[in-house]
C-alpha atoms as a PDB file:
ATOM      1  CA  MET A   1     116.355 139.000 155.657  1.00  0.00           C
ATOM      2  CA  ALA A   2     118.100 141.138 153.043  1.00  0.00           C
ATOM      3  CA  GLU A   3     119.514 144.604 153.687  1.00  0.00           C
ATOM      4  CA  ILE A   4     121.410 147.247 151.742  1.00  0.00           C
ATOM      5  CA  LEU A   5     122.862 150.372 153.360  1.00  0.00           C
ATOM      6  CA  GLN A   6     123.887 153.380 151.260  1.00  0.00           C
ATOM      7  CA  ARG A   7     124.386 157.100 151.776  1.00  0.00           C
ATOM      8  CA  ASP A   8     121.143 157.564 149.837  1.00  0.00           C
ATOM      9  CA  GLY A   9     119.214 155.385 152.287  1.00  0.00           C
ATOM     10  CA  THR A  10     118.673 151.905 153.708  1.00  0.00           C
ATOM     11  CA  TRP A  11     116.353 149.231 152.335  1.00  0.00           C
ATOM     12  CA  VAL A  12     115.474 146.170 154.416  1.00  0.00           C
ATOM     13  CA  PHE A  13     113.381 143.202 153.294  1.00  0.00           C
ATOM     14  CA  ASP A  14     112.074 140.726 155.890  1.00  0.00           C
ATOM     15  CA  GLY A  15     110.115 138.462 153.553  1.00  0.00           C
ATOM     16  CA  ASP A  16     106.781 140.207 154.111  1.00  0.00           C
ATOM     17  CA  ALA A  17     107.544 143.881 153.528  1.00  0.00           C
ATOM     18  CA  LEU A  18     110.241 146.318 152.491  1.00  0.00           C
ATOM     19  CA  ARG A  19     111.287 149.059 154.892  1.00  0.00           C
ATOM     20  CA  LEU A  20     112.624 152.087 153.008  1.00  0.00           C
ATOM     21  CA  THR A  21     114.522 154.625 155.118  1.00  0.00           C
ATOM     22  CA  PRO A  22     115.926 157.769 153.469  1.00  0.00           C
ATOM     23  CA  GLY A  23     119.556 158.656 154.094  1.00  0.00           C
ATOM     24  CA  ARG A  24     120.945 161.927 155.414  1.00  0.00           C
ATOM     25  CA  ASP A  25     123.087 162.677 152.397  1.00  0.00           C
ATOM     26  CA  LYS A  26     122.543 166.108 150.850  1.00  0.00           C
ATOM     27  CA  SER A  27     121.475 164.426 147.597  1.00  0.00           C
ATOM     28  CA  VAL A  28     118.340 163.032 149.278  1.00  0.00           C
ATOM     29  CA  GLY A  29     115.356 165.135 148.263  1.00  0.00           C
ATOM     30  CA  LEU A  30     113.295 167.154 150.728  1.00  0.00           C
ATOM     31  CA  LEU A  31     110.153 165.131 150.029  1.00  0.00           C
ATOM     32  CA  ARG A  32     111.867 161.829 150.882  1.00  0.00           C
ATOM     33  CA  ARG A  33     113.276 163.260 154.105  1.00  0.00           C
ATOM     34  CA  SER A  34     109.888 164.678 155.103  1.00  0.00           C
ATOM     35  CA  LEU A  35     108.032 161.490 154.198  1.00  0.00           C
ATOM     36  CA  GLY A  36     110.365 159.458 156.391  1.00  0.00           C
ATOM     37  CA  GLU A  37     110.420 155.679 156.571  1.00  0.00           C
ATOM     38  CA  LEU A  38     108.032 153.779 154.310  1.00  0.00           C
ATOM     39  CA  VAL A  39     106.836 150.220 154.856  1.00  0.00           C
ATOM     40  CA  VAL A  40     105.788 148.619 151.570  1.00  0.00           C
ATOM     41  CA  PRO A  41     103.952 145.284 151.872  1.00  0.00           C
ATOM     42  CA  LEU A  42     105.092 142.597 149.462  1.00  0.00           C
ATOM     43  CA  GLY A  43     101.595 142.458 147.977  1.00  0.00           C
ATOM     44  CA  ALA A  44     101.935 146.063 146.779  1.00  0.00           C
ATOM     45  CA  LEU A  45     104.955 145.270 144.588  1.00  0.00           C
ATOM     46  CA  ALA A  46     104.863 144.589 140.873  1.00  0.00           C
ATOM     47  CA  GLY A  47     108.641 144.254 140.496  1.00  0.00           C
ATOM     48  CA  ILE A  48     112.172 145.379 141.380  1.00  0.00           C
ATOM     49  CA  SER A  49     115.178 146.127 139.191  1.00  0.00           C
ATOM     50  CA  LEU A  50     118.841 147.128 139.422  1.00  0.00           C
ATOM     51  CA  GLU A  51     120.195 149.570 136.850  1.00  0.00           C
ATOM     52  CA  GLN A  52     124.001 149.560 136.859  1.00  0.00           C
ATOM     53  CA  GLY A  53     126.269 152.412 135.821  1.00  0.00           C
ATOM     54  CA  LYS A  54     130.050 152.898 135.867  1.00  0.00           C
ATOM     55  CA  LYS A  55     130.205 154.819 139.150  1.00  0.00           C
ATOM     56  CA  SER A  56     126.787 154.164 140.622  1.00  0.00           C
ATOM     57  CA  GLY A  57     123.522 152.454 139.848  1.00  0.00           C
ATOM     58  CA  ARG A  58     119.951 152.506 141.005  1.00  0.00           C
ATOM     59  CA  LEU A  59     117.586 150.117 142.702  1.00  0.00           C
ATOM     60  CA  ARG A  60     114.045 150.775 141.580  1.00  0.00           C
ATOM     61  CA  LEU A  61     110.756 149.431 142.898  1.00  0.00           C
ATOM     62  CA  ARG A  62     107.685 149.175 140.702  1.00  0.00           C
ATOM     63  CA  LEU A  63     104.394 149.203 142.589  1.00  0.00           C
ATOM     64  CA  ARG A  64     101.096 147.811 141.402  1.00  0.00           C
ATOM     65  CA  ASP A  65      98.814 150.454 139.917  1.00  0.00           C
ATOM     66  CA  GLY A  66      96.548 151.928 142.564  1.00  0.00           C
ATOM     67  CA  ALA A  67      98.576 150.658 145.531  1.00  0.00           C
ATOM     68  CA  ASP A  68     100.026 153.989 146.666  1.00  0.00           C
ATOM     69  CA  PRO A  69      98.096 157.299 146.936  1.00  0.00           C
ATOM     70  CA  LEU A  70     101.370 159.242 146.578  1.00  0.00           C
ATOM     71  CA  LEU A  71     102.096 157.726 143.170  1.00  0.00           C
ATOM     72  CA  HIS A  72      98.508 158.263 142.067  1.00  0.00           C
ATOM     73  CA  ALA A  73      98.405 161.903 143.206  1.00  0.00           C
ATOM     74  CA  THR A  74     101.737 162.736 141.550  1.00  0.00           C
ATOM     75  CA  GLY A  75     101.088 160.769 138.366  1.00  0.00           C
ATOM     76  CA  GLY A  76     104.670 159.483 138.156  1.00  0.00           C
ATOM     77  CA  ARG A  77     106.043 163.042 138.019  1.00  0.00           C
ATOM     78  CA  LEU A  78     108.347 162.861 141.060  1.00  0.00           C
ATOM     79  CA  SER A  79     111.947 163.538 140.082  1.00  0.00           C
ATOM     80  CA  GLU A  80     114.740 161.164 141.179  1.00  0.00           C
ATOM     81  CA  PRO A  81     115.841 162.960 144.390  1.00  0.00           C
ATOM     82  CA  HIS A  82     112.255 162.909 145.682  1.00  0.00           C
ATOM     83  CA  ASP A  83     111.134 159.458 144.524  1.00  0.00           C
ATOM     84  CA  PRO A  84     111.047 157.181 147.598  1.00  0.00           C
ATOM     85  CA  TYR A  85     111.046 154.060 145.404  1.00  0.00           C
ATOM     86  CA  GLN A  86     114.547 154.652 144.007  1.00  0.00           C
ATOM     87  CA  LEU A  87     117.843 154.075 145.816  1.00  0.00           C
ATOM     88  CA  THR A  88     121.251 155.138 144.512  1.00  0.00           C
ATOM     89  CA  VAL A  89     123.749 152.256 144.851  1.00  0.00           C
ATOM     90  CA  GLU A  90     127.540 152.644 144.748  1.00  0.00           C
ATOM     91  CA  SER A  91     129.255 150.364 142.224  1.00  0.00           C
ATOM     92  CA  ASP A  92     131.152 148.458 144.920  1.00  0.00           C
ATOM     93  CA  ARG A  93     127.802 147.371 146.397  1.00  0.00           C
ATOM     94  CA  TYR A  94     126.338 145.872 143.211  1.00  0.00           C
ATOM     95  CA  GLY A  95     126.783 142.354 144.596  1.00  0.00           C
ATOM     96  CA  VAL A  96     124.685 143.189 147.658  1.00  0.00           C
ATOM     97  CA  ALA A  97     122.093 144.920 145.465  1.00  0.00           C
ATOM     98  CA  GLU A  98     121.823 141.877 143.182  1.00  0.00           C
ATOM     99  CA  TYR A  99     121.283 139.620 146.194  1.00  0.00           C
ATOM    100  CA  PHE A 100     118.612 142.007 147.465  1.00  0.00           C
ATOM    101  CA  VAL A 101     116.817 141.929 144.092  1.00  0.00           C
ATOM    102  CA  ASP A 102     116.960 138.118 143.998  1.00  0.00           C
ATOM    103  CA  GLU A 103     115.466 137.866 147.487  1.00  0.00           C
ATOM    104  CA  VAL A 104     112.552 140.155 146.657  1.00  0.00           C
ATOM    105  CA  ARG A 105     111.887 138.513 143.303  1.00  0.00           C
ATOM    106  CA  GLY A 106     111.997 135.076 144.929  1.00  0.00           C
ATOM    107  CA  ALA A 107     109.414 136.139 147.500  1.00  0.00           C
ATOM    108  CA  LEU A 108     107.167 137.580 144.791  1.00  0.00           C
ATOM    109  CA  LEU A 109     107.271 134.260 142.928  1.00  0.00           C
ATOM    110  CA  LEU A 110     106.850 132.161 146.060  1.00  0.00           C
ATOM    111  CA  ASP A 111     103.824 134.164 147.242  1.00  0.00           C
ATOM    112  CA  GLU A 112     102.471 134.352 143.674  1.00  0.00           C
ATOM    113  CA  VAL A 113     101.920 138.085 143.999  1.00  0.00           C
ATOM    114  CA  PRO A 114     100.001 139.324 140.931  1.00  0.00           C
ATOM    115  CA  THR A 115     101.090 142.413 139.007  1.00  0.00           C
ATOM    116  CA  ASP A 116      97.641 143.630 138.008  1.00  0.00           C
ATOM    117  CA  PRO A 117      96.129 146.853 139.451  1.00  0.00           C
ATOM    118  CA  VAL A 118      94.575 146.835 142.922  1.00  0.00           C
ATOM    119  CA  THR A 119      91.173 148.192 143.947  1.00  0.00           C
ATOM    120  CA  ALA A 120      92.215 149.571 147.354  1.00  0.00           C
ATOM    121  CA  TYR A 121      95.259 151.453 148.617  1.00  0.00           C
ATOM    122  CA  LEU A 122      97.870 149.191 150.195  1.00  0.00           C
ATOM    123  CA  LEU A 123      99.875 152.084 151.639  1.00  0.00           C
ATOM    124  CA  PRO A 124      98.334 154.642 154.017  1.00  0.00           C
ATOM    125  CA  GLY A 125      99.756 157.830 152.535  1.00  0.00           C
ATOM    126  CA  PRO A 126     101.433 160.647 154.522  1.00  0.00           C
ATOM    127  CA  ALA A 127     100.445 161.161 158.141  1.00  0.00           C
ATOM    128  CA  VAL A 128      98.179 164.065 159.100  1.00  0.00           C
ATOM    129  CA  PRO A 129      97.927 166.792 160.201  1.00  0.00           C
ATOM    130  CA  LEU A 130     100.384 168.463 157.874  1.00  0.00           C
ATOM    131  CA  SER A 131     100.964 171.940 156.517  1.00  0.00           C
ATOM    132  CA  VAL A 132     103.130 173.075 153.612  1.00  0.00           C
ATOM    133  CA  SER A 133     104.010 176.575 152.436  1.00  0.00           C
ATOM    134  CA  ALA A 134     105.186 176.960 148.837  1.00  0.00           C
ATOM    135  CA  GLY A 135     104.397 179.017 145.770  1.00  0.00           C
ATOM    136  CA  ASP A 136     101.606 181.509 146.371  1.00  0.00           C
ATOM    137  CA  GLY A 137     100.095 179.913 149.461  1.00  0.00           C
ATOM    138  CA  THR A 138      99.964 177.445 152.346  1.00  0.00           C
ATOM    139  CA  ALA A 139      97.991 174.187 152.210  1.00  0.00           C
ATOM    140  CA  ALA A 140      97.079 172.462 155.477  1.00  0.00           C
ATOM    141  CA  PHE A 141      95.146 169.215 155.923  1.00  0.00           C
ATOM    142  CA  ASP A 142      93.927 167.633 159.165  1.00  0.00           C
ATOM    143  CA  GLY A 143      92.248 164.557 157.697  1.00  0.00           C
ATOM    144  CA  GLU A 144      88.827 166.204 157.355  1.00  0.00           C
ATOM    145  CA  ARG A 145      89.400 169.761 156.131  1.00  0.00           C
ATOM    146  CA  ILE A 146      91.795 171.463 153.730  1.00  0.00           C
ATOM    147  CA  ARG A 147      92.733 175.059 154.459  1.00  0.00           C
ATOM    148  CA  LEU A 148      94.345 177.290 151.843  1.00  0.00           C
ATOM    149  CA  GLU A 149      95.925 180.569 152.926  1.00  0.00           C
ATOM    150  CA  TRP A 150      97.559 183.112 150.643  1.00  0.00           C
ATOM    151  CA  ASN A 151     100.778 185.122 150.865  1.00  0.00           C
ATOM    152  CA  TRP A 152     101.979 188.443 149.487  1.00  0.00           C
ATOM    153  CA  LYS A 153     102.813 186.817 146.130  1.00  0.00           C
ATOM    154  CA  THR A 154      99.226 185.677 145.496  1.00  0.00           C
ATOM    155  CA  GLU A 155      97.297 187.293 142.654  1.00  0.00           C
ATOM    156  CA  ASP A 156      94.952 189.952 144.074  1.00  0.00           C
ATOM    157  CA  ALA A 157      91.862 188.434 142.437  1.00  0.00           C
ATOM    158  CA  LYS A 158      92.459 185.180 144.324  1.00  0.00           C
ATOM    159  CA  ALA A 159      93.694 186.638 147.600  1.00  0.00           C
ATOM    160  CA  SER A 160      90.782 189.065 147.903  1.00  0.00           C
ATOM    161  CA  ALA A 161      88.386 186.227 148.816  1.00  0.00           C
ATOM    162  CA  GLY A 162      90.538 185.388 151.844  1.00  0.00           C
ATOM    163  CA  PRO A 163      91.548 181.936 153.134  1.00  0.00           C
ATOM    164  CA  ARG A 164      89.633 178.899 151.883  1.00  0.00           C
ATOM    165  CA  THR A 165      88.431 175.914 153.915  1.00  0.00           C
ATOM    166  CA  LEU A 166      87.329 172.858 151.947  1.00  0.00           C
ATOM    167  CA  ALA A 167      85.585 169.899 153.534  1.00  0.00           C
ATOM    168  CA  LEU A 168      87.043 166.605 152.369  1.00  0.00           C
ATOM    169  CA  THR A 169      83.504 165.433 151.549  1.00  0.00           C
ATOM    170  CA  ASP A 170      83.248 168.208 148.950  1.00  0.00           C
ATOM    171  CA  VAL A 171      86.509 167.309 147.184  1.00  0.00           C
ATOM    172  CA  VAL A 172      86.204 164.929 144.233  1.00  0.00           C
ATOM    173  CA  ALA A 173      89.793 165.038 142.929  1.00  0.00           C
ATOM    174  CA  VAL A 174      93.262 166.366 143.717  1.00  0.00           C
ATOM    175  CA  GLU A 175      96.125 167.041 141.321  1.00  0.00           C
ATOM    176  CA  TRP A 176      99.768 167.909 141.860  1.00  0.00           C
ATOM    177  CA  GLN A 177     101.833 169.128 138.929  1.00  0.00           C
ATOM    178  CA  PRO A 178     105.498 170.206 139.296  1.00  0.00           C
ATOM    179  CA  ALA A 179     106.894 173.245 137.559  1.00  0.00           C
ATOM    180  CA  VAL A 180     108.689 172.284 134.344  1.00  0.00           C
ATOM    181  CA  GLY A 181     110.908 174.779 132.579  1.00  0.00           C
ATOM    182  CA  LEU A 182     109.004 178.041 132.204  1.00  0.00           C
ATOM    183  CA  GLU A 183     105.670 176.380 132.971  1.00  0.00           C
ATOM    184  CA  ASN A 184     104.475 176.716 136.553  1.00  0.00           C
ATOM    185  CA  GLY A 185     103.130 173.800 138.552  1.00  0.00           C
ATOM    186  CA  HIS A 186     100.206 173.605 140.965  1.00  0.00           C
ATOM    187  CA  LEU A 187      98.308 171.782 143.665  1.00  0.00           C
ATOM    188  CA  ARG A 188      94.634 171.858 142.706  1.00  0.00           C
ATOM    189  CA  PHE A 189      91.477 170.544 144.358  1.00  0.00           C
ATOM    190  CA  THR A 190      88.387 169.838 142.289  1.00  0.00           C
ATOM    191  CA  VAL A 191      85.326 170.693 144.351  1.00  0.00           C
ATOM    192  CA  ARG A 192      81.893 169.158 143.843  1.00  0.00           C
ATOM    193  CA  HIS A 193      79.369 171.575 142.242  1.00  0.00           C
ATOM    194  CA  ALA A 194      82.129 174.128 141.617  1.00  0.00           C
ATOM    195  CA  PRO A 195      84.161 173.079 138.549  1.00  0.00           C
ATOM    196  CA  THR A 196      86.604 175.624 137.192  1.00  0.00           C
ATOM    197  CA  LYS A 197      88.977 175.922 134.262  1.00  0.00           C
ATOM    198  CA  ALA A 198      90.734 178.988 135.636  1.00  0.00           C
ATOM    199  CA  PRO A 199      94.554 178.859 135.683  1.00  0.00           C
ATOM    200  CA  PRO A 200      95.971 178.021 139.146  1.00  0.00           C
ATOM    201  CA  LYS A 201      97.104 181.642 139.409  1.00  0.00           C
ATOM    202  CA  TYR A 202      93.441 182.688 139.697  1.00  0.00           C
ATOM    203  CA  ASP A 203      91.817 179.486 140.979  1.00  0.00           C
ATOM    204  CA  PRO A 204      90.867 179.846 144.687  1.00  0.00           C
ATOM    205  CA  ASN A 205      91.050 176.056 145.051  1.00  0.00           C
ATOM    206  CA  ALA A 206      94.642 175.825 143.791  1.00  0.00           C
ATOM    207  CA  VAL A 207      98.142 176.761 144.933  1.00  0.00           C
ATOM    208  CA  GLU A 208     100.452 177.874 142.124  1.00  0.00           C
ATOM    209  CA  LEU A 209     104.016 176.495 142.247  1.00  0.00           C
ATOM    210  CA  TRP A 210     107.057 178.092 140.646  1.00  0.00           C
ATOM    211  CA  GLY A 211     109.712 175.408 140.937  1.00  0.00           C
ATOM    212  CA  PHE A 212     111.271 176.354 144.260  1.00  0.00           C
ATOM    213  CA  LYS A 213     112.757 174.019 146.888  1.00  0.00           C
ATOM    214  CA  LYS A 214     109.578 173.289 148.870  1.00  0.00           C
ATOM    215  CA  ASP A 215     107.325 172.644 145.874  1.00  0.00           C
ATOM    216  CA  PRO A 216     107.615 168.829 146.095  1.00  0.00           C
ATOM    217  CA  LEU A 217     106.258 168.931 149.646  1.00  0.00           C
ATOM    218  CA  MET A 218     102.876 169.930 148.225  1.00  0.00           C
ATOM    219  CA  ALA A 219     102.775 166.386 146.854  1.00  0.00           C
ATOM    220  CA  LEU A 220     102.487 165.188 150.467  1.00  0.00           C
ATOM    221  CA  VAL A 221      99.282 167.191 150.899  1.00  0.00           C
ATOM    222  CA  ALA A 222      97.979 165.828 147.597  1.00  0.00           C
ATOM    223  CA  ALA A 223      98.766 162.244 148.651  1.00  0.00           C
ATOM    224  CA  ALA A 224      97.224 162.629 152.114  1.00  0.00           C
ATOM    225  CA  VAL A 225      93.983 163.899 150.572  1.00  0.00           C
ATOM    226  CA  GLN A 226      94.046 161.253 147.833  1.00  0.00           C
ATOM    227  CA  ALA A 227      94.396 158.483 150.420  1.00  0.00           C
ATOM    228  CA  ARG A 228      91.075 159.570 151.940  1.00  0.00           C
ATOM    229  CA  LEU A 229      89.147 159.929 148.677  1.00  0.00           C
ATOM    230  CA  PRO A 230      87.409 156.958 147.022  1.00  0.00           C
ATOM    231  CA  HIS A 231      89.955 154.702 145.346  1.00  0.00           C
ATOM    232  CA  PRO A 232      90.211 155.494 141.610  1.00  0.00           C
ATOM    233  CA  ALA A 233      89.221 151.950 140.664  1.00  0.00           C
ATOM    234  CA  ARG A 234      85.915 152.421 142.476  1.00  0.00           C
ATOM    235  CA  ALA A 235      85.408 156.041 141.490  1.00  0.00           C
ATOM    236  CA  ALA A 236      85.675 155.115 137.816  1.00  0.00           C
ATOM    237  CA  ALA A 237      82.873 152.573 138.082  1.00  0.00           C
ATOM    238  CA  ILE A 238      79.289 153.768 137.750  1.00  0.00           C
ATOM    239  CA  ASP A 239      77.174 153.089 140.820  1.00  0.00           C
ATOM    240  CA  VAL A 240      74.485 150.787 139.472  1.00  0.00           C
ATOM    241  CA  ARG A 241      72.262 151.510 142.449  1.00  0.00           C
ATOM    242  CA  ARG A 242      71.738 155.081 141.274  1.00  0.00           C
ATOM    243  CA  THR A 243      71.870 154.293 137.525  1.00  0.00           C
ATOM    244  CA  PRO A 244      68.797 152.208 136.626  1.00  0.00           C
ATOM    245  CA  ASP A 245      68.905 149.679 133.815  1.00  0.00           C
ATOM    246  CA  ILE A 246      68.743 151.580 130.525  1.00  0.00           C
ATOM    247  CA  ARG A 247      67.656 148.607 128.456  1.00  0.00           C
ATOM    248  CA  PRO A 248      64.124 149.202 127.125  1.00  0.00           C
ATOM    249  CA  GLN A 249      61.439 146.592 127.602  1.00  0.00           C
ATOM    250  CA  THR A 250      60.640 144.563 124.495  1.00  0.00           C
ATOM    251  CA  PRO A 251      57.151 145.429 123.179  1.00  0.00           C
ATOM    252  CA  SER A 252      55.057 143.133 121.045  1.00  0.00           C
ATOM    253  CA  SER A 253      55.650 145.041 117.803  1.00  0.00           C
ATOM    254  CA  PRO A 254      59.127 144.898 116.206  1.00  0.00           C
ATOM    255  CA  VAL A 255      58.686 148.407 114.784  1.00  0.00           C
ATOM    256  CA  GLY A 256      57.499 149.746 118.118  1.00  0.00           C
ATOM    257  CA  SER A 257      60.459 148.050 119.759  1.00  0.00           C
ATOM    258  CA  ALA A 258      62.966 150.092 117.792  1.00  0.00           C
ATOM    259  CA  GLU A 259      61.068 153.368 118.199  1.00  0.00           C
ATOM    260  CA  ASP A 260      60.249 152.911 121.898  1.00  0.00           C
ATOM    261  CA  GLY A 261      63.776 151.759 122.627  1.00  0.00           C
ATOM    262  CA  HIS A 262      65.263 154.801 120.880  1.00  0.00           C
ATOM    263  CA  ASP A 263      62.977 157.150 122.814  1.00  0.00           C
ATOM    264  CA  ALA A 264      63.876 155.455 126.089  1.00  0.00           C
ATOM    265  CA  LEU A 265      67.578 155.902 125.370  1.00  0.00           C
ATOM    266  CA  LEU A 266      67.064 159.574 124.553  1.00  0.00           C
ATOM    267  CA  ARG A 267      65.156 160.044 127.809  1.00  0.00           C
ATOM    268  CA  ARG A 268      67.965 158.304 129.680  1.00  0.00           C
ATOM    269  CA  LEU A 269      70.536 160.595 128.080  1.00  0.00           C
ATOM    270  CA  ARG A 270      68.558 163.607 129.291  1.00  0.00           C
ATOM    271  CA  GLU A 271      68.332 162.103 132.783  1.00  0.00           C
ATOM    272  CA  LEU A 272      72.071 161.465 132.871  1.00  0.00           C
ATOM    273  CA  GLY A 273      72.716 165.037 131.735  1.00  0.00           C
ATOM    274  CA  GLU A 274      70.649 166.342 134.624  1.00  0.00           C
ATOM    275  CA  LEU A 275      72.452 164.074 137.108  1.00  0.00           C
ATOM    276  CA  HIS A 276      75.763 165.358 135.745  1.00  0.00           C
ATOM    277  CA  ARG A 277      74.710 169.016 135.976  1.00  0.00           C
ATOM    278  CA  THR A 278      73.591 168.613 139.588  1.00  0.00           C
ATOM    279  CA  GLY A 279      76.814 166.867 140.556  1.00  0.00           C
ATOM    280  CA  VAL A 280      75.383 163.431 141.269  1.00  0.00           C
ATOM    281  CA  LEU A 281      77.545 161.974 138.497  1.00  0.00           C
ATOM    282  CA  THR A 282      81.196 162.954 138.033  1.00  0.00           C
ATOM    283  CA  ASP A 283      82.548 163.867 134.602  1.00  0.00           C
ATOM    284  CA  GLU A 284      84.085 160.404 134.230  1.00  0.00           C
ATOM    285  CA  GLU A 285      80.937 158.574 135.328  1.00  0.00           C
ATOM    286  CA  PHE A 286      78.796 160.672 132.997  1.00  0.00           C
ATOM    287  CA  THR A 287      81.122 160.009 130.055  1.00  0.00           C
ATOM    288  CA  MET A 288      81.110 156.246 130.655  1.00  0.00           C
ATOM    289  CA  ALA A 289      77.327 156.115 131.017  1.00  0.00           C
ATOM    290  CA  LYS A 290      76.787 158.246 127.925  1.00  0.00           C
ATOM    291  CA  GLN A 291      79.087 156.043 125.847  1.00  0.00           C
ATOM    292  CA  ALA A 292      77.195 152.953 127.012  1.00  0.00           C
ATOM    293  CA  ILE A 293      73.875 154.484 125.930  1.00  0.00           C
ATOM    294  CA  LEU A 294      75.191 155.690 122.568  1.00  0.00           C
ATOM    295  CA  GLY A 295      76.500 152.200 121.942  1.00  0.00           C
ATOM    296  CA  ARG A 296      72.936 150.875 122.163  1.00  0.00           C
ATOM    297  CA  MET A 297      71.516 153.433 119.722  1.00  0.00           C
END
């Protein structure tokens, strides 16, 4: 077993998993403290590194793409105080940190853990139920329903419709974006049959974030919802059961083959367009299917 204890937190590796516990130091971000202890299976890791500085350094874990719903929902936009996969290391503990890195790397080699993306989440995401108030509203999630409630800072056009309740089965995507500089952030839910390009300020399915202390906690809601949506690796693939073979049958005449095949592809394009308009196909599925058809024309 390898262990490193710092004011920033404690990391323990038992050969099968890493246990990441945030510290109580004031430098530890609110998201890390709220998320609590994380258990990362060895199979979810793509690598580990130690970055040394004069006064302090940083241990950093790299997870395999698609292994963690939190990383997917936040798109790598978590800042250092809130990133649970970074640990600040004092310079006098570099020797311990190097030993820790060697132990983890040795286990990765011994178990022949691949570094390619995974097709299912290997971490469960934040526990539910949870509720977070930040920006212009409150987002609550119980595992099946998302409830959005507005406060006195909400734009009247959005608040006038009252609180929103979204069934998880109607949500096709979730996005968390932090505020950067003068640009506000948001937590937005994309709802089936109800796409919108409205700014988060006016979008009834979004909470606008202004860069205040509790904003990162909205990432917990995003991750909890993401963990219960279809994994992105599966969502990106077109369901062949509802997308019949688009290859035209070969007729006896070569000329007829080209003409009939072209007409069949055009008909299929129209069919795909209708499936997309009715919400059977997502934007990404429709784009992939359309590109496949155009490639045959």
